[in-house]
Amino acid sequence: MKKTQSLIRPLVRELHPYVYGEQPKIKGLIKLNTNENPFPPSPKVLRAVKNAVDGRLRLYPNPTAQPLLEKLAKLHHCKPDNIIVGNGSDELLALAVRCFVEPHANSKYKTQNSKLAKATVQYFTPSYSLYLVLADIHGAAKNPIPLQPNFQLPDMAAMKRGKWDFHAALTFITTPNAPSGCGYKTGELEKLCRAQKGVVVLDEAYVDFANENALKLGLKFPHVLVARTFSKDEEEKQTLAGTAADQTKPSSVRGSNSSL
């Protein structure tokens, strides 16, 4: 056992796994803790899925998901080139960490500098607990910043006085936030995006339950991505989808993966 353990990277041996929601075995239970909806998908969706289960299962899907990109682009009034599709939005969040953040040997830091900023994953807390797991897997520095007591974002002046890093390589902002459920005004998010020098991911997994969305920021700023998923309001837990879109390159995200 010791010999086997020695083959694993020290960073991986020290990882704390992502803790998913409790999975009770009570039949017919509606699991609100994992955002399961008591209502099934649209009959049209069920028919489309059933119709797709034929001889095509032996074939690889379109490698760029081009048909889906074109439909999403039409839905969101942008170009297919503005969107990237992944195997669920979680995959796209992981890709963002690997793409934009340099690994750092010592993630337990106390000071900010330009080199450390390039290795920093920044996020508010409490929010999606996967962010810190992705940072740990990558060997990145973490900069968790507490929300206000009412779960709203700190104001810009407080951020400038505090430990917020405007040069962090990657900043995750969950909007609406989970687990608090608080939504954030697009104007407020725009001020923060404009101030950030690194990449910003606006994680809109729950945006369809909010009064407004920030997709336009992904299409306005080249360093802003907007992440979304089909697993919440569309009630397609078994067929997840994630995409990303921005001004010129993919920068808004919605994830997609099929268990079929």
Protein backbone atom coordinates (compact mmCIF):
# COMPACT_ATOMS: atom_id res chain seq x y z
CA MET A 1 0.00 0.00 0.00
CA LYS A 2 2.79 2.42 0.90
CA LYS A 3 4.50 1.78 -2.42
CA THR A 4 1.28 2.43 -4.31
CA GLN A 5 0.64 5.64 -2.38
CA SER A 6 4.14 6.86 -3.21
CA LEU A 7 3.27 6.73 -6.92
CA ILE A 8 0.51 9.31 -6.45
CA ARG A 9 1.42 12.99 -6.61
CA PRO A 10 1.58 14.53 -3.10
CA LEU A 11 -0.87 17.21 -4.20
CA VAL A 12 -3.42 14.55 -5.17
CA ARG A 13 -2.92 12.57 -1.94
CA GLU A 14 -3.80 15.68 0.06
CA LEU A 15 -6.96 16.52 -1.89
CA HIS A 16 -10.33 16.76 -0.14
CA PRO A 17 -13.05 15.46 -2.48
CA TYR A 18 -16.04 17.47 -3.59
CA VAL A 19 -18.95 16.64 -1.27
CA TYR A 20 -22.17 16.14 -3.20
CA GLY A 21 -25.64 16.58 -1.72
CA GLU A 22 -27.08 13.88 0.53
CA GLN A 23 -28.63 11.04 -1.49
CA PRO A 24 -31.42 9.47 0.62
CA LYS A 25 -32.84 6.16 -0.64
CA ILE A 26 -36.49 6.98 0.07
CA LYS A 27 -38.55 6.10 -3.00
CA GLY A 28 -40.46 8.99 -4.57
CA LEU A 29 -38.64 11.63 -2.50
CA ILE A 30 -38.16 15.03 -4.14
CA LYS A 31 -34.53 15.95 -3.40
CA LEU A 32 -34.57 19.73 -3.22
CA ASN A 33 -31.02 19.65 -1.80
CA THR A 34 -29.78 18.53 -5.24
CA ASN A 35 -32.24 20.77 -7.11
CA GLU A 36 -34.42 17.98 -8.44
CA ASN A 37 -37.71 19.20 -9.83
CA PRO A 38 -40.93 17.20 -9.19
CA PHE A 39 -41.99 17.94 -12.77
CA PRO A 40 -40.54 15.89 -15.67
CA PRO A 41 -39.02 17.35 -18.85
CA SER A 42 -41.32 18.49 -21.64
CA PRO A 43 -42.97 15.65 -23.62
CA LYS A 44 -41.26 17.10 -26.70
CA VAL A 45 -37.87 16.62 -25.02
CA LEU A 46 -38.71 13.04 -24.07
CA ARG A 47 -39.82 12.28 -27.63
CA ALA A 48 -36.64 13.80 -29.08
CA VAL A 49 -34.46 11.72 -26.74
CA LYS A 50 -36.35 8.51 -27.55
CA ASN A 51 -36.15 9.19 -31.28
CA ALA A 52 -32.38 9.66 -30.98
CA VAL A 53 -31.92 6.20 -29.44
CA ASP A 54 -31.39 4.28 -32.65
CA GLY A 55 -28.54 2.96 -34.79
CA ARG A 56 -26.74 6.30 -34.44
CA LEU A 57 -25.58 5.23 -30.97
CA ARG A 58 -22.70 3.40 -32.67
CA LEU A 59 -21.40 6.69 -34.09
CA TYR A 60 -19.36 9.43 -32.47
CA PRO A 61 -21.31 12.68 -32.16
CA ASN A 62 -20.38 15.83 -34.04
CA PRO A 63 -16.98 16.75 -32.50
CA THR A 64 -17.81 20.45 -32.24
CA ALA A 65 -21.52 20.02 -31.42
CA GLN A 66 -22.15 22.35 -34.36
CA PRO A 67 -25.94 21.80 -34.59
CA LEU A 68 -26.28 22.64 -30.88
CA LEU A 69 -23.97 25.65 -31.22
CA GLU A 70 -26.10 27.06 -34.01
CA LYS A 71 -29.34 26.63 -32.06
CA LEU A 72 -27.82 28.16 -28.92
CA ALA A 73 -26.41 31.06 -30.91
CA LYS A 74 -29.86 31.75 -32.34
CA LEU A 75 -31.41 31.54 -28.87
CA HIS A 76 -28.88 33.93 -27.33
CA HIS A 77 -28.53 36.28 -30.33
CA CYS A 78 -24.82 35.71 -30.84
CA LYS A 79 -22.56 33.76 -33.18
CA PRO A 80 -21.73 30.04 -32.90
CA ASP A 81 -18.07 31.06 -32.56
CA ASN A 82 -19.00 32.85 -29.33
CA ILE A 83 -20.00 29.56 -27.68
CA ILE A 84 -18.20 26.48 -26.45
CA VAL A 85 -20.07 23.36 -25.38
CA GLY A 86 -18.76 20.95 -22.75
CA ASN A 87 -19.74 17.83 -20.82
CA GLY A 88 -21.70 19.72 -18.21
CA SER A 89 -20.71 23.18 -17.03
CA ASP A 90 -18.46 21.62 -14.36
CA GLU A 91 -16.14 20.44 -17.12
CA LEU A 92 -15.99 23.97 -18.51
CA LEU A 93 -15.19 25.39 -15.07
CA ALA A 94 -12.33 22.87 -14.81
CA LEU A 95 -11.10 23.79 -18.29
CA ALA A 96 -11.10 27.46 -17.31
CA VAL A 97 -8.81 26.70 -14.36
CA ARG A 98 -6.45 24.66 -16.52
CA CYS A 99 -6.47 27.24 -19.31
CA PHE A 100 -6.04 30.48 -17.38
CA VAL A 101 -4.30 29.62 -14.09
CA GLU A 102 -0.65 28.71 -13.54
CA PRO A 103 -0.08 25.97 -10.91
CA HIS A 104 1.55 27.25 -7.74
CA ALA A 105 3.69 25.21 -5.36
CA ASN A 106 2.37 26.89 -2.24
CA SER A 107 -1.33 27.72 -2.32
CA LYS A 108 -1.35 28.88 1.32
CA TYR A 109 -0.21 32.42 0.69
CA LYS A 110 -0.50 35.61 2.69
CA THR A 111 0.65 38.29 0.24
CA GLN A 112 -0.31 39.31 -3.26
CA ASN A 113 2.15 39.79 -6.09
CA SER A 114 2.06 39.55 -9.88
CA LYS A 115 3.47 36.02 -10.03
CA LEU A 116 1.06 34.75 -7.39
CA ALA A 117 -1.87 36.46 -9.10
CA LYS A 118 -1.26 34.33 -12.20
CA ALA A 119 -1.68 31.25 -9.98
CA THR A 120 -4.76 32.46 -8.10
CA VAL A 121 -8.33 31.16 -8.26
CA GLN A 122 -10.60 33.67 -6.53
CA TYR A 123 -14.20 33.24 -5.42
CA PHE A 124 -16.73 34.44 -2.86
CA THR A 125 -17.78 32.32 0.08
CA PRO A 126 -20.16 30.72 0.68
CA SER A 127 -20.66 29.69 -2.94
CA TYR A 128 -20.16 26.62 -5.13
CA SER A 129 -17.81 24.34 -3.20
CA LEU A 130 -16.34 22.87 -6.41
CA TYR A 131 -14.24 26.00 -7.01
CA LEU A 132 -11.80 25.26 -4.21
CA VAL A 133 -11.60 21.60 -5.27
CA LEU A 134 -10.69 22.62 -8.84
CA ALA A 135 -8.04 24.98 -7.49
CA ASP A 136 -6.56 22.26 -5.26
CA ILE A 137 -6.48 19.72 -8.10
CA HIS A 138 -4.59 22.23 -10.22
CA GLY A 139 -2.20 23.21 -7.43
CA ALA A 140 -3.37 26.82 -7.61
CA ALA A 141 -3.50 29.46 -4.91
CA LYS A 142 -6.98 30.15 -3.49
CA ASN A 143 -8.39 33.51 -2.49
CA PRO A 144 -11.83 32.98 -0.86
CA ILE A 145 -13.52 36.28 0.00
CA PRO A 146 -16.52 36.36 2.39
CA LEU A 147 -19.79 37.81 1.16
CA GLN A 148 -21.52 40.40 3.29
CA PRO A 149 -23.68 39.10 6.19
CA ASN A 150 -26.75 39.47 3.91
CA PHE A 151 -24.90 37.42 1.24
CA GLN A 152 -24.58 40.41 -1.09
CA LEU A 153 -21.29 41.25 -2.81
CA PRO A 154 -18.92 43.56 -0.92
CA ASP A 155 -18.85 47.06 -2.36
CA MET A 156 -15.93 48.11 -4.52
CA ALA A 157 -14.39 50.30 -1.81
CA ALA A 158 -14.37 47.38 0.65
CA MET A 159 -12.76 45.15 -1.97
CA LYS A 160 -9.99 47.66 -2.59
CA ARG A 161 -9.30 47.90 1.15
CA GLY A 162 -9.43 44.16 1.71
CA LYS A 163 -7.83 41.03 0.29
CA TRP A 164 -9.65 41.02 -3.02
CA ASP A 165 -7.17 40.58 -5.88
CA PHE A 166 -8.04 42.56 -8.99
CA HIS A 167 -5.20 40.80 -10.82
CA ALA A 168 -6.23 37.21 -9.96
CA ALA A 169 -5.84 34.89 -12.93
CA LEU A 170 -9.39 33.56 -12.56
CA THR A 171 -12.37 34.78 -10.57
CA PHE A 172 -15.57 32.76 -10.15
CA ILE A 173 -18.79 34.60 -9.32
CA THR A 174 -21.91 32.48 -8.78
CA THR A 175 -24.96 34.46 -9.87
CA PRO A 176 -27.52 33.83 -8.57
CA ASN A 177 -25.45 32.57 -5.70
CA ALA A 178 -25.71 29.09 -4.27
CA PRO A 179 -26.42 28.27 -1.51
CA SER A 180 -27.81 31.68 -0.51
CA GLY A 181 -30.08 32.16 -3.53
CA CYS A 182 -29.18 35.86 -3.77
CA GLY A 183 -29.14 37.39 -7.24
CA TYR A 184 -26.82 40.21 -8.27
CA LYS A 185 -27.63 43.18 -10.50
CA THR A 186 -26.01 43.12 -13.92
CA GLY A 187 -24.78 46.68 -13.39
CA GLU A 188 -23.03 45.62 -10.18
CA LEU A 189 -21.39 42.67 -11.93
CA GLU A 190 -20.31 44.88 -14.82
CA LYS A 191 -18.42 47.23 -12.48
CA LEU A 192 -16.58 44.27 -10.99
CA CYS A 193 -15.84 42.72 -14.39
CA ARG A 194 -14.54 46.03 -15.67
CA ALA A 195 -12.17 46.31 -12.68
CA GLN A 196 -10.79 42.77 -12.96
CA LYS A 197 -7.59 42.30 -14.97
CA GLY A 198 -7.80 38.50 -15.11
CA VAL A 199 -10.53 36.20 -16.43
CA VAL A 200 -13.98 36.31 -14.78
CA VAL A 201 -16.44 33.41 -14.95
CA LEU A 202 -20.02 34.37 -14.14
CA ASP A 203 -21.48 31.01 -13.13
CA GLU A 204 -25.17 31.27 -14.04
CA ALA A 205 -26.22 27.70 -13.30
CA TYR A 206 -29.39 29.03 -11.61
CA VAL A 207 -29.97 32.05 -13.84
CA ASP A 208 -33.33 30.81 -15.11
CA PHE A 209 -34.69 31.31 -11.60
CA ALA A 210 -33.45 34.92 -11.50
CA ASN A 211 -34.97 38.20 -12.65
CA GLU A 212 -32.04 39.08 -14.93
CA ASN A 213 -28.91 37.58 -16.45
CA ALA A 214 -25.45 38.83 -17.35
CA LEU A 215 -24.97 37.14 -20.72
CA LYS A 216 -24.35 40.50 -22.36
CA LEU A 217 -21.21 40.90 -20.22
CA GLY A 218 -19.77 37.74 -21.78
CA LEU A 219 -20.37 39.23 -25.21
CA LYS A 220 -19.08 42.68 -24.20
CA PHE A 221 -15.82 41.90 -22.39
CA PRO A 222 -13.17 39.56 -23.91
CA HIS A 223 -12.07 38.41 -20.43
CA VAL A 224 -15.56 37.46 -19.18
CA LEU A 225 -17.21 34.03 -19.54
CA VAL A 226 -20.80 33.21 -18.62
CA ALA A 227 -21.38 29.60 -17.53
CA ARG A 228 -24.74 27.87 -17.76
CA THR A 229 -26.17 24.35 -17.61
CA PHE A 230 -29.18 22.40 -18.81
CA SER A 231 -29.40 20.45 -15.54
CA LYS A 232 -31.46 22.95 -13.51
CA ASP A 233 -34.63 24.44 -14.98
CA GLU A 234 -34.68 22.21 -18.08
CA GLU A 235 -34.72 19.14 -15.80
CA GLU A 236 -32.32 17.15 -17.96
CA LYS A 237 -30.11 15.66 -15.24
CA GLN A 238 -29.11 12.73 -17.45
CA THR A 239 -28.24 14.91 -20.43
CA LEU A 240 -26.17 17.75 -19.05
CA ALA A 241 -24.94 20.56 -21.25
CA GLY A 242 -22.51 23.42 -20.72
CA THR A 243 -21.66 26.37 -22.98
CA ALA A 244 -19.44 29.47 -23.01
CA ALA A 245 -19.51 32.65 -25.13
CA ASP A 246 -17.66 35.99 -25.40
CA GLN A 247 -17.06 39.01 -27.57
CA THR A 248 -14.75 37.30 -30.06
CA LYS A 249 -13.91 33.86 -28.68
CA PRO A 250 -15.93 31.46 -26.48
CA SER A 251 -16.73 33.34 -23.24
CA SER A 252 -20.19 32.35 -22.03
CA VAL A 253 -20.67 28.80 -20.81
CA ARG A 254 -23.37 26.14 -20.98
CA GLY A 255 -22.40 22.45 -20.47
CA SER A 256 -23.53 19.36 -22.38
CA ASN A 257 -23.04 15.65 -21.83
CA SER A 258 -25.19 12.68 -22.61
CA SER A 259 -25.40 9.47 -20.63
CA LEU A 260 -27.07 7.71 -23.55
